[in-house]
Amino acid sequence: MTLLENYIVRQIVGGLCIATAILLPLFSFLDVIEQLDDVGEGFYTTKDAFLYVSYLLPRRFIQLAPFIALVGTVIGLGQLAVNLELITMRAAGLSPMRISRVVLKVGLFLLIVLGVMEQFVAPELQHKAITHRAGALAQSTELGKSLGTWTRDKRQILRVGKSPKGRYMENVEVMYIDDSGMLIEHISAEYAEIKTEKEWELNNVTKRVFAENSMQTLELYNFVRYLRDTGQQADAYELALWRKLGGGLVTLAMILLSVPFVLSSVRGGIANRLVLAGITGICVYLFDQIVANVGLLLDLSFPLVALAPGLILIWLAIAWLQRLA
């Protein structure tokens, strides 16, 4: 890349860092407020709430990536516009298409970072967050009064609160853990009846599954294949898999869309651009959610549903850039 292109890259990266430093703490603060509602339930403390939110920071960054891409690039290019540097660059022969190619290089690097986080960082930390929170909340306040009877084998933990009759038990909990000791499933029943030594009948059951919420992309793909091969319903998980790919496409589209967004009003103030970028980001988020839910409801093609928002945005960005050329 030329010195001029390197300069643009530095400005955009700086803008992305500023956007991350603003948006990630803001949304994390909202997450903390939400978690504080559960403080005091079981053994869930304020420290647990902050620990839960800190574990979710990589996942929250991935979720905010399209918004950060748009706002951050608008900040970077907007600063160049405010200082009249964009006008100088265009006068020197730097076309909108060439600027967009520079921006796309930053976008591709951002996608690589997101891919690494999605595969190796976010799922594991999200799993820790979910299991830690579930473990604290699952220990009800009644636990202090009556611990009940506990038993455990390698992968299962059983708790019986009361056993007033020989084959009748109350407040039954069954917890399944993986090889690393993380909780993956929790079943609670108001009461249980022992039919045989190997058969229990649970009544008024509540089941919570935690593993699927924090799967790596490859694990989610294998899980979808397993559900399909065994004849089970997999639509929601298959859509979630395709939306992971669609999220990367939307992020790339948003960072590309920021170029004509700024160039179309190169003499305007940066504050106005940020407001418009914020509104655009919200509209795109809502559009993406609506398309996903409608697609699931109408049983549309999952690749089409997941990739359509990003493809539409890229088409709009290219069309807009061609008008500015």
Foldseek 3Di string as FASTA:
>chain_A
DDPVLVLLLVLLVVLLVVLCVPPLVVVLVVQLVVCVVCAPFFQRHSVLSNLLSVLQSLVVCLVCLLLSLQRSSLRSVLVCLQVVNVVVCVVVPCALVNNLVSLLVSLVVVLVVNLCCLAPRNLVSNLVSVQSVCVRNVRGPCCVVFVADWDDDQFKIWGFRDDPDDFKTAFIKMFGADNVGGTFKIKTAGMWGDPDPPDIDGHPMDMDGRNLVRDRLVRLVVVLVVCVVVVHDCLVSVLVSLLSVLSSLSSSLSNLLSSLLCVVCSNDHSVVSSVVSVVVVVVLVVVLVVLSVVCSVVVHDSNCSNNVSSVVSNVVSVVSSVVRD
